[in-house]
Each structure stands twice: as structure tokens, then as C-alpha cells.
Amino acid sequence: MFYGGLAENKQDIKVPDVEPAAFLTLLRYLYCDEILLEPDNILATLYAAKKYIVPHLARACVNYLEVSLTAKNACLLLSSSCLFEEPELMQRCWETLPSPDTEEYCGLSLGMYASMDNDHSDI
């Protein structure tokens, strides 16, 4: 991408699938060894860390998400943990997920609960 036979010939290299703030967090980690995570771009930062195979930053993102896990965000983080293949976070989400009779319940149908439970019963 930057050097060698496959190097881009342009000054600007577009990375359309990574949010600018997340890419800046990735670059800050790579160049300065600083991890400054923000709640509004934590999932995008995790995506960038996974995409560019930066395991220490990805682990920091997952740790941040585990600490931030609540009944209100468990559904979102459950689907994200499935997408990013993070079984420990997925398990924590299952443990935190509100039951259908609570105010925090995120509207998953019983079929979806069953489907997700069957898909990830090995966790």
C-alpha cells in the first residue's frame, strides 16, 4: 500500500471503510505508542485494529468495551462481538443481556434470542 511493488502512486491514500477518528487513533498508537480511546469511535477503532492486525490496540478496545458494558448497550455489543469474533466479550454480553420483560430490553425477538443462543452455544 505504501512501499514496494504495490505502492500507491498518489499523495493521498483513501481508506474509505475506516472512520477518520478511528484511523487517527490507530496511527497515534503505531507512531506514539499512545492509546486514547473515545466512546463515540471505539467500535470503529476496534475495526481498524482488526483490519490492520494490531492486536494490542484491539485488546485495549475490547477491554474498554468490557468495562463499558451495561444492560442498555449489551445488544449492540453482542452483535459487535459476533462481528469482530471476540468470544470473551460475547460471553460477557450474554451474561449482561437484559431479559425481555425489562425496560432495558433491546427488542430482540425470541426467535433471534434462540438463533443467537444456538449459534454461540459453544461459548
N, C-alpha and C. Protein backbone atom coordinates (compact mmCIF):
# COMPACT_ATOMS: atom_id res chain seq x y z
N MET A 1 0.82 -1.19 0.00
CA MET A 1 0.00 0.00 0.00
C MET A 1 0.87 1.26 0.00
N PHE A 2 1.95 1.26 0.79
CA PHE A 2 2.78 2.45 0.90
C PHE A 2 4.13 2.29 0.20
N TYR A 3 4.71 1.08 0.25
CA TYR A 3 6.03 0.84 -0.32
C TYR A 3 6.01 -0.42 -1.18
N GLY A 4 7.09 -0.63 -1.95
CA GLY A 4 7.23 -1.84 -2.73
C GLY A 4 6.50 -1.78 -4.06
N GLY A 5 6.34 -2.95 -4.66
CA GLY A 5 5.72 -3.05 -5.97
C GLY A 5 4.26 -2.67 -6.01
N LEU A 6 3.59 -2.75 -4.89
CA LEU A 6 2.16 -2.43 -4.85
C LEU A 6 1.90 -1.03 -4.30
N ALA A 7 2.93 -0.22 -4.20
CA ALA A 7 2.78 1.13 -3.62
C ALA A 7 1.86 1.98 -4.48
N GLU A 8 1.08 2.80 -3.82
CA GLU A 8 0.19 3.74 -4.50
C GLU A 8 1.04 4.86 -5.11
N ASN A 9 0.60 5.35 -6.27
CA ASN A 9 1.31 6.44 -6.93
C ASN A 9 0.76 7.80 -6.56
N LYS A 10 -0.19 7.85 -5.66
CA LYS A 10 -0.84 9.10 -5.29
C LYS A 10 -0.29 9.62 -3.97
N GLN A 11 -0.44 10.92 -3.76
CA GLN A 11 -0.06 11.53 -2.49
C GLN A 11 -1.01 11.10 -1.38
N ASP A 12 -2.30 11.15 -1.66
CA ASP A 12 -3.32 10.79 -0.68
C ASP A 12 -3.78 9.36 -0.93
N ILE A 13 -3.82 8.58 0.13
CA ILE A 13 -4.32 7.22 0.04
C ILE A 13 -5.65 7.18 0.77
N LYS A 14 -6.68 6.77 0.06
CA LYS A 14 -8.02 6.73 0.65
C LYS A 14 -8.23 5.40 1.37
N VAL A 15 -8.80 5.51 2.55
CA VAL A 15 -9.18 4.34 3.35
C VAL A 15 -10.66 4.53 3.68
N PRO A 16 -11.54 4.26 2.71
CA PRO A 16 -12.95 4.63 2.87
C PRO A 16 -13.72 3.85 3.93
N ASP A 17 -13.25 2.69 4.31
CA ASP A 17 -14.01 1.88 5.26
C ASP A 17 -13.61 2.10 6.72
N VAL A 18 -12.69 3.02 6.97
CA VAL A 18 -12.27 3.33 8.35
C VAL A 18 -12.57 4.80 8.63
N GLU A 19 -13.27 5.04 9.73
CA GLU A 19 -13.59 6.42 10.10
C GLU A 19 -12.31 7.19 10.41
N PRO A 20 -12.25 8.46 10.03
CA PRO A 20 -11.04 9.25 10.25
C PRO A 20 -10.58 9.27 11.71
N ALA A 21 -11.48 9.43 12.65
CA ALA A 21 -11.09 9.47 14.07
C ALA A 21 -10.49 8.14 14.51
N ALA A 22 -11.05 7.05 14.02
CA ALA A 22 -10.52 5.72 14.36
C ALA A 22 -9.15 5.52 13.73
N PHE A 23 -8.98 5.98 12.51
CA PHE A 23 -7.68 5.85 11.84
C PHE A 23 -6.63 6.69 12.56
N LEU A 24 -7.02 7.86 13.03
CA LEU A 24 -6.10 8.70 13.79
C LEU A 24 -5.69 8.01 15.09
N THR A 25 -6.64 7.35 15.76
CA THR A 25 -6.32 6.60 16.97
C THR A 25 -5.33 5.48 16.66
N LEU A 26 -5.54 4.79 15.55
CA LEU A 26 -4.63 3.73 15.11
C LEU A 26 -3.24 4.30 14.85
N LEU A 27 -3.16 5.39 14.11
CA LEU A 27 -1.86 6.00 13.81
C LEU A 27 -1.16 6.49 15.08
N ARG A 28 -1.93 7.08 15.98
CA ARG A 28 -1.35 7.56 17.24
C ARG A 28 -0.73 6.41 18.01
N TYR A 29 -1.41 5.27 18.00
CA TYR A 29 -0.85 4.10 18.68
C TYR A 29 0.42 3.61 17.98
N LEU A 30 0.36 3.50 16.65
CA LEU A 30 1.51 2.98 15.90
C LEU A 30 2.74 3.87 15.99
N TYR A 31 2.55 5.18 15.97
CA TYR A 31 3.68 6.10 15.96
C TYR A 31 4.10 6.59 17.34
N CYS A 32 3.15 6.70 18.27
CA CYS A 32 3.46 7.29 19.58
C CYS A 32 3.28 6.31 20.73
N ASP A 33 2.77 5.13 20.45
CA ASP A 33 2.50 4.14 21.49
C ASP A 33 1.53 4.66 22.54
N GLU A 34 0.58 5.49 22.10
CA GLU A 34 -0.46 6.04 22.97
C GLU A 34 -1.81 5.47 22.55
N ILE A 35 -2.59 5.07 23.54
CA ILE A 35 -3.94 4.59 23.26
C ILE A 35 -4.92 5.54 23.93
N LEU A 36 -5.60 6.34 23.11
CA LEU A 36 -6.61 7.27 23.59
C LEU A 36 -7.95 6.86 22.98
N LEU A 37 -8.73 6.11 23.74
CA LEU A 37 -9.99 5.59 23.22
C LEU A 37 -11.14 6.49 23.61
N GLU A 38 -12.05 6.68 22.67
CA GLU A 38 -13.23 7.52 22.86
C GLU A 38 -14.48 6.67 22.67
N PRO A 39 -15.50 6.89 23.49
CA PRO A 39 -16.70 6.07 23.37
C PRO A 39 -17.41 6.19 22.02
N ASP A 40 -17.31 7.35 21.38
CA ASP A 40 -18.04 7.54 20.12
C ASP A 40 -17.37 6.88 18.92
N ASN A 41 -16.13 6.42 19.06
CA ASN A 41 -15.50 5.74 17.92
C ASN A 41 -14.79 4.45 18.34
N ILE A 42 -15.16 3.89 19.48
CA ILE A 42 -14.48 2.69 19.96
C ILE A 42 -14.69 1.50 19.02
N LEU A 43 -15.89 1.31 18.50
CA LEU A 43 -16.13 0.18 17.59
C LEU A 43 -15.40 0.38 16.27
N ALA A 44 -15.34 1.60 15.79
CA ALA A 44 -14.60 1.89 14.55
C ALA A 44 -13.10 1.68 14.77
N THR A 45 -12.62 2.02 15.96
CA THR A 45 -11.20 1.81 16.28
C THR A 45 -10.90 0.31 16.36
N LEU A 46 -11.80 -0.44 16.96
CA LEU A 46 -11.63 -1.90 17.01
C LEU A 46 -11.60 -2.47 15.60
N TYR A 47 -12.48 -1.98 14.74
CA TYR A 47 -12.49 -2.43 13.34
C TYR A 47 -11.13 -2.16 12.68
N ALA A 48 -10.61 -0.95 12.86
CA ALA A 48 -9.32 -0.59 12.26
C ALA A 48 -8.20 -1.46 12.82
N ALA A 49 -8.21 -1.69 14.13
CA ALA A 49 -7.17 -2.51 14.75
C ALA A 49 -7.22 -3.94 14.22
N LYS A 50 -8.42 -4.46 14.03
CA LYS A 50 -8.56 -5.82 13.48
C LYS A 50 -8.14 -5.85 12.01
N LYS A 51 -8.56 -4.84 11.25
CA LYS A 51 -8.25 -4.79 9.82
C LYS A 51 -6.75 -4.76 9.57
N TYR A 52 -6.04 -3.95 10.35
CA TYR A 52 -4.61 -3.79 10.14
C TYR A 52 -3.77 -4.65 11.09
N ILE A 53 -4.42 -5.62 11.73
CA ILE A 53 -3.76 -6.61 12.58
C ILE A 53 -2.85 -5.95 13.61
N VAL A 54 -3.48 -5.17 14.48
CA VAL A 54 -2.78 -4.51 15.58
C VAL A 54 -3.40 -5.06 16.87
N PRO A 55 -2.93 -6.25 17.30
CA PRO A 55 -3.61 -6.95 18.40
C PRO A 55 -3.62 -6.21 19.73
N HIS A 56 -2.57 -5.48 20.06
CA HIS A 56 -2.55 -4.77 21.35
C HIS A 56 -3.63 -3.69 21.39
N LEU A 57 -3.79 -2.96 20.31
CA LEU A 57 -4.85 -1.94 20.24
C LEU A 57 -6.23 -2.60 20.25
N ALA A 58 -6.38 -3.70 19.53
CA ALA A 58 -7.66 -4.42 19.52
C ALA A 58 -8.01 -4.90 20.92
N ARG A 59 -7.03 -5.43 21.65
CA ARG A 59 -7.26 -5.90 23.03
C ARG A 59 -7.66 -4.74 23.93
N ALA A 60 -7.02 -3.58 23.75
CA ALA A 60 -7.38 -2.40 24.54
C ALA A 60 -8.82 -1.98 24.25
N CYS A 61 -9.23 -2.06 23.00
CA CYS A 61 -10.61 -1.72 22.63
C CYS A 61 -11.60 -2.68 23.28
N VAL A 62 -11.30 -3.97 23.23
CA VAL A 62 -12.18 -4.97 23.83
C VAL A 62 -12.25 -4.77 25.34
N ASN A 63 -11.12 -4.49 25.97
CA ASN A 63 -11.12 -4.23 27.42
C ASN A 63 -11.99 -3.02 27.74
N TYR A 64 -11.88 -1.98 26.93
CA TYR A 64 -12.70 -0.78 27.12
C TYR A 64 -14.19 -1.12 27.01
N LEU A 65 -14.53 -1.93 26.01
CA LEU A 65 -15.93 -2.32 25.82
C LEU A 65 -16.43 -3.18 26.98
N GLU A 66 -15.59 -4.07 27.49
CA GLU A 66 -16.00 -4.90 28.62
C GLU A 66 -16.28 -4.06 29.85
N VAL A 67 -15.46 -3.06 30.09
CA VAL A 67 -15.65 -2.17 31.24
C VAL A 67 -16.90 -1.30 31.04
N SER A 68 -17.19 -0.95 29.81
CA SER A 68 -18.33 -0.08 29.49
C SER A 68 -19.64 -0.82 29.32
N LEU A 69 -19.62 -2.13 29.40
CA LEU A 69 -20.79 -2.96 29.14
C LEU A 69 -21.88 -2.73 30.19
N THR A 70 -23.09 -2.43 29.70
CA THR A 70 -24.26 -2.26 30.57
C THR A 70 -25.44 -2.99 29.93
N ALA A 71 -26.52 -3.09 30.68
CA ALA A 71 -27.73 -3.70 30.13
C ALA A 71 -28.24 -2.92 28.92
N LYS A 72 -28.01 -1.60 28.91
CA LYS A 72 -28.51 -0.76 27.81
C LYS A 72 -27.73 -0.95 26.52
N ASN A 73 -26.43 -1.29 26.60
CA ASN A 73 -25.66 -1.43 25.37
C ASN A 73 -25.28 -2.88 25.07
N ALA A 74 -25.80 -3.82 25.86
CA ALA A 74 -25.43 -5.23 25.69
C ALA A 74 -25.82 -5.78 24.33
N CYS A 75 -26.97 -5.38 23.80
CA CYS A 75 -27.41 -5.89 22.48
C CYS A 75 -26.47 -5.42 21.37
N LEU A 76 -26.15 -4.15 21.38
CA LEU A 76 -25.23 -3.61 20.37
C LEU A 76 -23.88 -4.30 20.48
N LEU A 77 -23.37 -4.41 21.70
CA LEU A 77 -22.06 -5.02 21.87
C LEU A 77 -22.07 -6.51 21.59
N LEU A 78 -23.20 -7.16 21.80
CA LEU A 78 -23.30 -8.58 21.46
C LEU A 78 -23.15 -8.77 19.96
N SER A 79 -23.87 -7.98 19.18
CA SER A 79 -23.75 -8.12 17.72
C SER A 79 -22.36 -7.73 17.25
N SER A 80 -21.77 -6.71 17.87
CA SER A 80 -20.41 -6.30 17.50
C SER A 80 -19.39 -7.37 17.87
N SER A 81 -19.58 -7.99 19.04
CA SER A 81 -18.63 -9.03 19.45
C SER A 81 -18.71 -10.24 18.52
N CYS A 82 -19.89 -10.51 17.99
CA CYS A 82 -20.02 -11.58 16.99
C CYS A 82 -19.28 -11.19 15.71
N LEU A 83 -19.50 -9.97 15.26
CA LEU A 83 -18.86 -9.47 14.04
C LEU A 83 -17.34 -9.50 14.15
N PHE A 84 -16.82 -9.08 15.30
CA PHE A 84 -15.37 -9.00 15.49
C PHE A 84 -14.76 -10.28 16.04
N GLU A 85 -15.59 -11.31 16.19
CA GLU A 85 -15.13 -12.61 16.68
C GLU A 85 -14.36 -12.49 17.99
N GLU A 86 -15.05 -11.92 18.98
CA GLU A 86 -14.49 -11.74 20.32
C GLU A 86 -15.32 -12.56 21.31
N PRO A 87 -15.00 -13.83 21.49
CA PRO A 87 -15.83 -14.71 22.31
C PRO A 87 -15.94 -14.30 23.78
N GLU A 88 -14.89 -13.76 24.36
CA GLU A 88 -14.97 -13.35 25.77
C GLU A 88 -15.95 -12.19 25.95
N LEU A 89 -15.88 -11.22 25.05
CA LEU A 89 -16.83 -10.10 25.10
C LEU A 89 -18.25 -10.61 24.83
N MET A 90 -18.37 -11.53 23.90
CA MET A 90 -19.67 -12.10 23.59
C MET A 90 -20.27 -12.76 24.83
N GLN A 91 -19.47 -13.52 25.55
CA GLN A 91 -19.96 -14.18 26.76
C GLN A 91 -20.39 -13.16 27.80
N ARG A 92 -19.59 -12.11 27.98
CA ARG A 92 -19.95 -11.06 28.94
C ARG A 92 -21.26 -10.38 28.53
N CYS A 93 -21.46 -10.20 27.23
CA CYS A 93 -22.71 -9.60 26.74
C CYS A 93 -23.90 -10.50 27.07
N TRP A 94 -23.74 -11.80 26.83
CA TRP A 94 -24.82 -12.74 27.14
C TRP A 94 -25.16 -12.68 28.62
N GLU A 95 -24.15 -12.56 29.46
CA GLU A 95 -24.38 -12.50 30.91
C GLU A 95 -25.08 -11.20 31.31
N THR A 96 -24.86 -10.14 30.56
CA THR A 96 -25.40 -8.82 30.88
C THR A 96 -26.72 -8.54 30.19
N LEU A 97 -26.99 -9.25 29.11
CA LEU A 97 -28.18 -9.01 28.30
C LEU A 97 -29.44 -9.01 29.15
N PRO A 98 -30.25 -7.96 29.03
CA PRO A 98 -31.48 -7.90 29.84
C PRO A 98 -32.51 -8.91 29.35
N SER A 99 -33.37 -9.31 30.25
CA SER A 99 -34.43 -10.25 29.86
C SER A 99 -35.54 -9.48 29.16
N PRO A 100 -36.35 -10.16 28.36
CA PRO A 100 -37.39 -9.48 27.57
C PRO A 100 -38.41 -8.71 28.39
N ASP A 101 -38.52 -8.97 29.67
CA ASP A 101 -39.52 -8.28 30.48
C ASP A 101 -38.98 -7.05 31.21
N THR A 102 -37.77 -6.60 30.83
CA THR A 102 -37.19 -5.42 31.47
C THR A 102 -37.25 -4.21 30.55
N GLU A 103 -37.11 -3.03 31.16
CA GLU A 103 -37.14 -1.78 30.39
C GLU A 103 -35.95 -1.67 29.45
N GLU A 104 -34.81 -2.23 29.83
CA GLU A 104 -33.59 -2.14 29.02
C GLU A 104 -33.60 -3.09 27.83
N TYR A 105 -34.57 -3.99 27.79
CA TYR A 105 -34.61 -4.98 26.72
C TYR A 105 -34.55 -4.27 25.37
N CYS A 106 -33.76 -4.79 24.48
CA CYS A 106 -33.47 -4.10 23.23
C CYS A 106 -34.35 -4.52 22.06
N GLY A 107 -35.38 -5.30 22.32
CA GLY A 107 -36.30 -5.62 21.25
C GLY A 107 -35.95 -6.84 20.44
N LEU A 108 -35.05 -7.67 20.90
CA LEU A 108 -34.77 -8.91 20.19
C LEU A 108 -35.99 -9.81 20.27
N SER A 109 -36.35 -10.39 19.16
CA SER A 109 -37.44 -11.35 19.18
C SER A 109 -36.96 -12.62 19.86
N LEU A 110 -37.88 -13.41 20.36
CA LEU A 110 -37.49 -14.67 20.99
C LEU A 110 -36.77 -15.57 20.00
N GLY A 111 -37.20 -15.51 18.73
CA GLY A 111 -36.52 -16.29 17.70
C GLY A 111 -35.08 -15.87 17.51
N MET A 112 -34.85 -14.56 17.58
CA MET A 112 -33.49 -14.07 17.44
C MET A 112 -32.64 -14.49 18.64
N TYR A 113 -33.22 -14.37 19.84
CA TYR A 113 -32.53 -14.85 21.04
C TYR A 113 -32.12 -16.31 20.85
N ALA A 114 -33.08 -17.14 20.42
CA ALA A 114 -32.82 -18.57 20.26
C ALA A 114 -31.77 -18.81 19.19
N SER A 115 -31.87 -18.07 18.08
CA SER A 115 -30.91 -18.22 16.99
C SER A 115 -29.51 -17.86 17.45
N MET A 116 -29.38 -16.73 18.12
CA MET A 116 -28.06 -16.30 18.59
C MET A 116 -27.54 -17.26 19.64
N ASP A 117 -28.42 -17.74 20.50
CA ASP A 117 -28.01 -18.67 21.54
C ASP A 117 -27.52 -19.97 20.92
N ASN A 118 -28.22 -20.47 19.90
CA ASN A 118 -27.80 -21.69 19.23
C ASN A 118 -26.51 -21.49 18.46
N ASP A 119 -26.36 -20.34 17.81
CA ASP A 119 -25.16 -20.06 17.04
C ASP A 119 -23.93 -19.97 17.92
N HIS A 120 -24.11 -19.60 19.18
CA HIS A 120 -22.96 -19.35 20.05
C HIS A 120 -23.04 -20.17 21.33
N SER A 121 -23.62 -21.33 21.25
CA SER A 121 -23.76 -22.16 22.44
C SER A 121 -22.44 -22.77 22.88
N ASP A 122 -21.42 -22.70 22.03
CA ASP A 122 -20.12 -23.26 22.39
C ASP A 122 -19.27 -22.30 23.21
N ILE A 123 -19.79 -21.13 23.48
CA ILE A 123 -19.03 -20.13 24.23
C ILE A 123 -19.08 -20.45 25.70
